[in-house]
Structures are given as C-alpha cells and as structure tokens.
Amino acid sequence: MMFEDDEDESYTPRQPPNHEAVAALVSFSIRSATLEDDEEMNPLEYAIMSDATLKTVQLLQSATRRGMILMRRNACS
C-alpha cells in the first residue's frame, strides 16, 4: 500500500522488477501493462514504488500507452 505505516511489521518493501522479465511479459501481451490488481494498482505504479530503473519505467509507460490505444480501438469496433 502506498502510505503504509513504517511501524507496521507486516510490511515488506517491494523489490525492483527485473527489466528483462518485464520486457518479456509486455512483448507477449501488451495488455499485461494495463491490468490492475484489487487495489487498482497497475505494473507502472508498482515499478515506480519499488524504485525500478528508468529504463523499466519508460518501457512500462510506453506499453501502457500502446495498451490503452488498443483497448480503445477494440471498444470502438
């Protein structure tokens, strides 16, 4: 959670995502970049929160943008 209390012992900091793994996922399915979890968080938000490299954040930004365009096109069809 974004504003987790620092004294909460159950909180585990997120590790930065592996760039190669993220690249493989979005190359297989661009939609994977636009999915949200039950807290309405998407991969880009998690990457930013976990101090991902700029390269990974930019990859997810681009994939999210392309995924949203495809979703809009499919909705209009």
N, C-alpha and C. Protein backbone atom coordinates (compact mmCIF):
# COMPACT_ATOMS: atom_id res chain seq x y z
N MET A 1 0.84 -1.18 0.00
CA MET A 1 0.00 0.00 0.00
C MET A 1 0.88 1.24 0.00
N MET A 2 0.41 2.27 -0.64
CA MET A 2 1.24 3.43 -0.86
C MET A 2 1.65 4.13 0.43
N PHE A 3 0.75 4.29 1.37
CA PHE A 3 1.04 5.04 2.58
C PHE A 3 1.08 4.13 3.79
N GLU A 4 1.78 3.04 3.64
CA GLU A 4 1.91 2.04 4.70
C GLU A 4 2.62 2.66 5.89
N ASP A 5 2.13 2.40 7.09
CA ASP A 5 2.75 2.88 8.31
C ASP A 5 4.11 2.22 8.47
N ASP A 6 5.16 3.02 8.69
CA ASP A 6 6.51 2.49 8.83
C ASP A 6 6.66 1.54 10.00
N GLU A 7 5.79 1.64 10.98
CA GLU A 7 5.88 0.77 12.15
C GLU A 7 5.13 -0.53 11.97
N ASP A 8 4.46 -0.72 10.88
CA ASP A 8 3.73 -1.95 10.61
C ASP A 8 4.73 -3.05 10.28
N GLU A 9 4.85 -4.02 11.15
CA GLU A 9 5.84 -5.08 10.99
C GLU A 9 5.50 -6.05 9.87
N SER A 10 4.26 -6.05 9.39
CA SER A 10 3.87 -6.96 8.32
C SER A 10 4.24 -6.41 6.95
N TYR A 11 4.68 -5.16 6.89
CA TYR A 11 5.03 -4.54 5.62
C TYR A 11 6.37 -5.05 5.12
N THR A 12 6.39 -5.48 3.86
CA THR A 12 7.63 -5.92 3.22
C THR A 12 7.89 -5.02 2.03
N PRO A 13 9.03 -4.33 2.02
CA PRO A 13 9.30 -3.46 0.87
C PRO A 13 9.37 -4.25 -0.43
N ARG A 14 8.90 -3.65 -1.50
CA ARG A 14 8.92 -4.31 -2.80
C ARG A 14 10.31 -4.21 -3.41
N GLN A 15 10.73 -5.28 -4.06
CA GLN A 15 11.99 -5.30 -4.78
C GLN A 15 11.76 -4.73 -6.18
N PRO A 16 12.75 -4.02 -6.74
CA PRO A 16 12.58 -3.51 -8.10
C PRO A 16 12.37 -4.67 -9.07
N PRO A 17 11.52 -4.47 -10.06
CA PRO A 17 11.27 -5.54 -11.03
C PRO A 17 12.49 -5.76 -11.93
N ASN A 18 12.62 -6.96 -12.41
CA ASN A 18 13.68 -7.31 -13.35
C ASN A 18 13.27 -6.82 -14.73
N HIS A 19 14.10 -5.98 -15.33
CA HIS A 19 13.75 -5.37 -16.61
C HIS A 19 13.49 -6.41 -17.70
N GLU A 20 14.33 -7.42 -17.76
CA GLU A 20 14.17 -8.45 -18.80
C GLU A 20 12.85 -9.19 -18.63
N ALA A 21 12.44 -9.46 -17.40
CA ALA A 21 11.17 -10.14 -17.15
C ALA A 21 9.99 -9.25 -17.57
N VAL A 22 10.07 -7.97 -17.24
CA VAL A 22 9.01 -7.04 -17.63
C VAL A 22 8.93 -6.95 -19.15
N ALA A 23 10.08 -6.84 -19.80
CA ALA A 23 10.11 -6.75 -21.26
C ALA A 23 9.50 -8.00 -21.90
N ALA A 24 9.81 -9.16 -21.34
CA ALA A 24 9.25 -10.41 -21.87
C ALA A 24 7.73 -10.43 -21.72
N LEU A 25 7.23 -10.01 -20.56
CA LEU A 25 5.78 -10.01 -20.32
C LEU A 25 5.05 -9.08 -21.28
N VAL A 26 5.54 -7.86 -21.44
CA VAL A 26 4.82 -6.92 -22.31
C VAL A 26 5.00 -7.27 -23.78
N SER A 27 6.08 -7.97 -24.14
CA SER A 27 6.21 -8.38 -25.54
C SER A 27 5.26 -9.52 -25.86
N PHE A 28 4.94 -10.33 -24.86
CA PHE A 28 3.99 -11.42 -25.05
C PHE A 28 2.56 -10.89 -25.06
N SER A 29 2.26 -9.96 -24.14
CA SER A 29 0.91 -9.40 -24.06
C SER A 29 0.99 -7.95 -23.60
N ILE A 30 0.73 -7.04 -24.51
CA ILE A 30 0.75 -5.62 -24.18
C ILE A 30 -0.29 -5.29 -23.12
N ARG A 31 -1.36 -6.07 -23.09
CA ARG A 31 -2.42 -5.85 -22.10
C ARG A 31 -1.92 -6.03 -20.67
N SER A 32 -0.86 -6.82 -20.49
CA SER A 32 -0.33 -7.04 -19.14
C SER A 32 0.11 -5.74 -18.48
N ALA A 33 0.46 -4.73 -19.27
CA ALA A 33 0.88 -3.44 -18.72
C ALA A 33 -0.29 -2.62 -18.21
N THR A 34 -1.51 -2.95 -18.64
CA THR A 34 -2.67 -2.14 -18.27
C THR A 34 -3.53 -2.79 -17.19
N LEU A 35 -3.20 -4.01 -16.80
CA LEU A 35 -4.01 -4.70 -15.80
C LEU A 35 -3.84 -4.06 -14.43
N GLU A 36 -4.92 -4.05 -13.66
CA GLU A 36 -4.88 -3.53 -12.29
C GLU A 36 -5.22 -4.65 -11.32
N ASP A 37 -4.65 -4.56 -10.13
CA ASP A 37 -4.95 -5.56 -9.11
C ASP A 37 -6.16 -5.12 -8.28
N ASP A 38 -6.43 -5.82 -7.19
CA ASP A 38 -7.61 -5.50 -6.39
C ASP A 38 -7.49 -4.15 -5.67
N GLU A 39 -6.29 -3.57 -5.63
CA GLU A 39 -6.09 -2.24 -5.06
C GLU A 39 -6.05 -1.16 -6.14
N GLU A 40 -6.43 -1.56 -7.38
CA GLU A 40 -6.45 -0.69 -8.54
C GLU A 40 -5.07 -0.11 -8.87
N MET A 41 -4.04 -0.94 -8.66
CA MET A 41 -2.66 -0.56 -8.98
C MET A 41 -2.23 -1.32 -10.23
N ASN A 42 -1.50 -0.65 -11.10
CA ASN A 42 -1.02 -1.29 -12.32
C ASN A 42 0.50 -1.49 -12.24
N PRO A 43 1.08 -2.23 -13.18
CA PRO A 43 2.51 -2.51 -13.13
C PRO A 43 3.39 -1.26 -13.10
N LEU A 44 3.00 -0.22 -13.83
CA LEU A 44 3.78 1.01 -13.83
C LEU A 44 3.84 1.62 -12.43
N GLU A 45 2.71 1.65 -11.75
CA GLU A 45 2.69 2.20 -10.39
C GLU A 45 3.56 1.38 -9.45
N TYR A 46 3.48 0.06 -9.57
CA TYR A 46 4.33 -0.80 -8.73
C TYR A 46 5.80 -0.60 -9.05
N ALA A 47 6.13 -0.44 -10.33
CA ALA A 47 7.52 -0.23 -10.71
C ALA A 47 8.07 1.06 -10.10
N ILE A 48 7.28 2.11 -10.16
CA ILE A 48 7.71 3.39 -9.58
C ILE A 48 7.88 3.27 -8.08
N MET A 49 6.94 2.62 -7.43
CA MET A 49 7.01 2.46 -5.97
C MET A 49 8.19 1.60 -5.53
N SER A 50 8.65 0.72 -6.39
CA SER A 50 9.73 -0.18 -6.00
C SER A 50 11.09 0.27 -6.53
N ASP A 51 11.18 1.53 -6.92
CA ASP A 51 12.43 2.10 -7.41
C ASP A 51 13.00 1.36 -8.61
N ALA A 52 12.14 1.03 -9.56
CA ALA A 52 12.59 0.39 -10.79
C ALA A 52 13.52 1.34 -11.54
N THR A 53 14.32 0.78 -12.41
CA THR A 53 15.20 1.62 -13.22
C THR A 53 14.37 2.49 -14.15
N LEU A 54 14.96 3.59 -14.59
CA LEU A 54 14.28 4.48 -15.53
C LEU A 54 13.93 3.73 -16.81
N LYS A 55 14.81 2.85 -17.24
CA LYS A 55 14.58 2.05 -18.44
C LYS A 55 13.30 1.21 -18.31
N THR A 56 13.10 0.62 -17.14
CA THR A 56 11.90 -0.20 -16.90
C THR A 56 10.65 0.66 -16.82
N VAL A 57 10.73 1.79 -16.15
CA VAL A 57 9.59 2.70 -16.05
C VAL A 57 9.20 3.20 -17.44
N GLN A 58 10.18 3.57 -18.24
CA GLN A 58 9.88 4.04 -19.60
C GLN A 58 9.25 2.94 -20.45
N LEU A 59 9.75 1.72 -20.30
CA LEU A 59 9.16 0.58 -21.02
C LEU A 59 7.70 0.42 -20.64
N LEU A 60 7.40 0.47 -19.35
CA LEU A 60 6.03 0.30 -18.90
C LEU A 60 5.14 1.48 -19.31
N GLN A 61 5.69 2.68 -19.32
CA GLN A 61 4.92 3.84 -19.79
C GLN A 61 4.53 3.65 -21.25
N SER A 62 5.47 3.26 -22.06
CA SER A 62 5.20 3.04 -23.47
C SER A 62 4.21 1.91 -23.68
N ALA A 63 4.40 0.81 -22.97
CA ALA A 63 3.50 -0.34 -23.10
C ALA A 63 2.09 0.02 -22.64
N THR A 64 1.99 0.78 -21.57
CA THR A 64 0.68 1.20 -21.06
C THR A 64 -0.03 2.07 -22.09
N ARG A 65 0.70 3.01 -22.65
CA ARG A 65 0.13 3.90 -23.68
C ARG A 65 -0.38 3.09 -24.87
N ARG A 66 0.45 2.16 -25.36
CA ARG A 66 0.04 1.33 -26.50
C ARG A 66 -1.13 0.43 -26.14
N GLY A 67 -1.11 -0.11 -24.93
CA GLY A 67 -2.21 -0.97 -24.48
C GLY A 67 -3.53 -0.23 -24.40
N MET A 68 -3.48 1.00 -23.92
CA MET A 68 -4.71 1.81 -23.81
C MET A 68 -5.24 2.15 -25.20
N ILE A 69 -4.36 2.45 -26.14
CA ILE A 69 -4.80 2.74 -27.51
C ILE A 69 -5.49 1.51 -28.11
N LEU A 70 -4.88 0.34 -27.93
CA LEU A 70 -5.50 -0.88 -28.45
C LEU A 70 -6.84 -1.16 -27.80
N MET A 71 -6.95 -0.93 -26.50
CA MET A 71 -8.22 -1.16 -25.80
C MET A 71 -9.30 -0.23 -26.34
N ARG A 72 -8.95 1.04 -26.60
CA ARG A 72 -9.92 2.00 -27.15
C ARG A 72 -10.36 1.59 -28.54
N ARG A 73 -9.41 1.14 -29.36
CA ARG A 73 -9.74 0.71 -30.72
C ARG A 73 -10.69 -0.49 -30.69
N ASN A 74 -10.41 -1.43 -29.79
CA ASN A 74 -11.27 -2.62 -29.69
C ASN A 74 -12.66 -2.26 -29.18
N ALA A 75 -12.74 -1.27 -28.29
CA ALA A 75 -14.05 -0.86 -27.76
C ALA A 75 -14.88 -0.17 -28.83
N CYS A 76 -14.23 0.51 -29.75
CA CYS A 76 -14.94 1.23 -30.81
C CYS A 76 -15.32 0.30 -31.96
N SER A 77 -14.74 -0.86 -32.03
CA SER A 77 -15.02 -1.78 -33.16
C SER A 77 -16.34 -2.46 -33.01
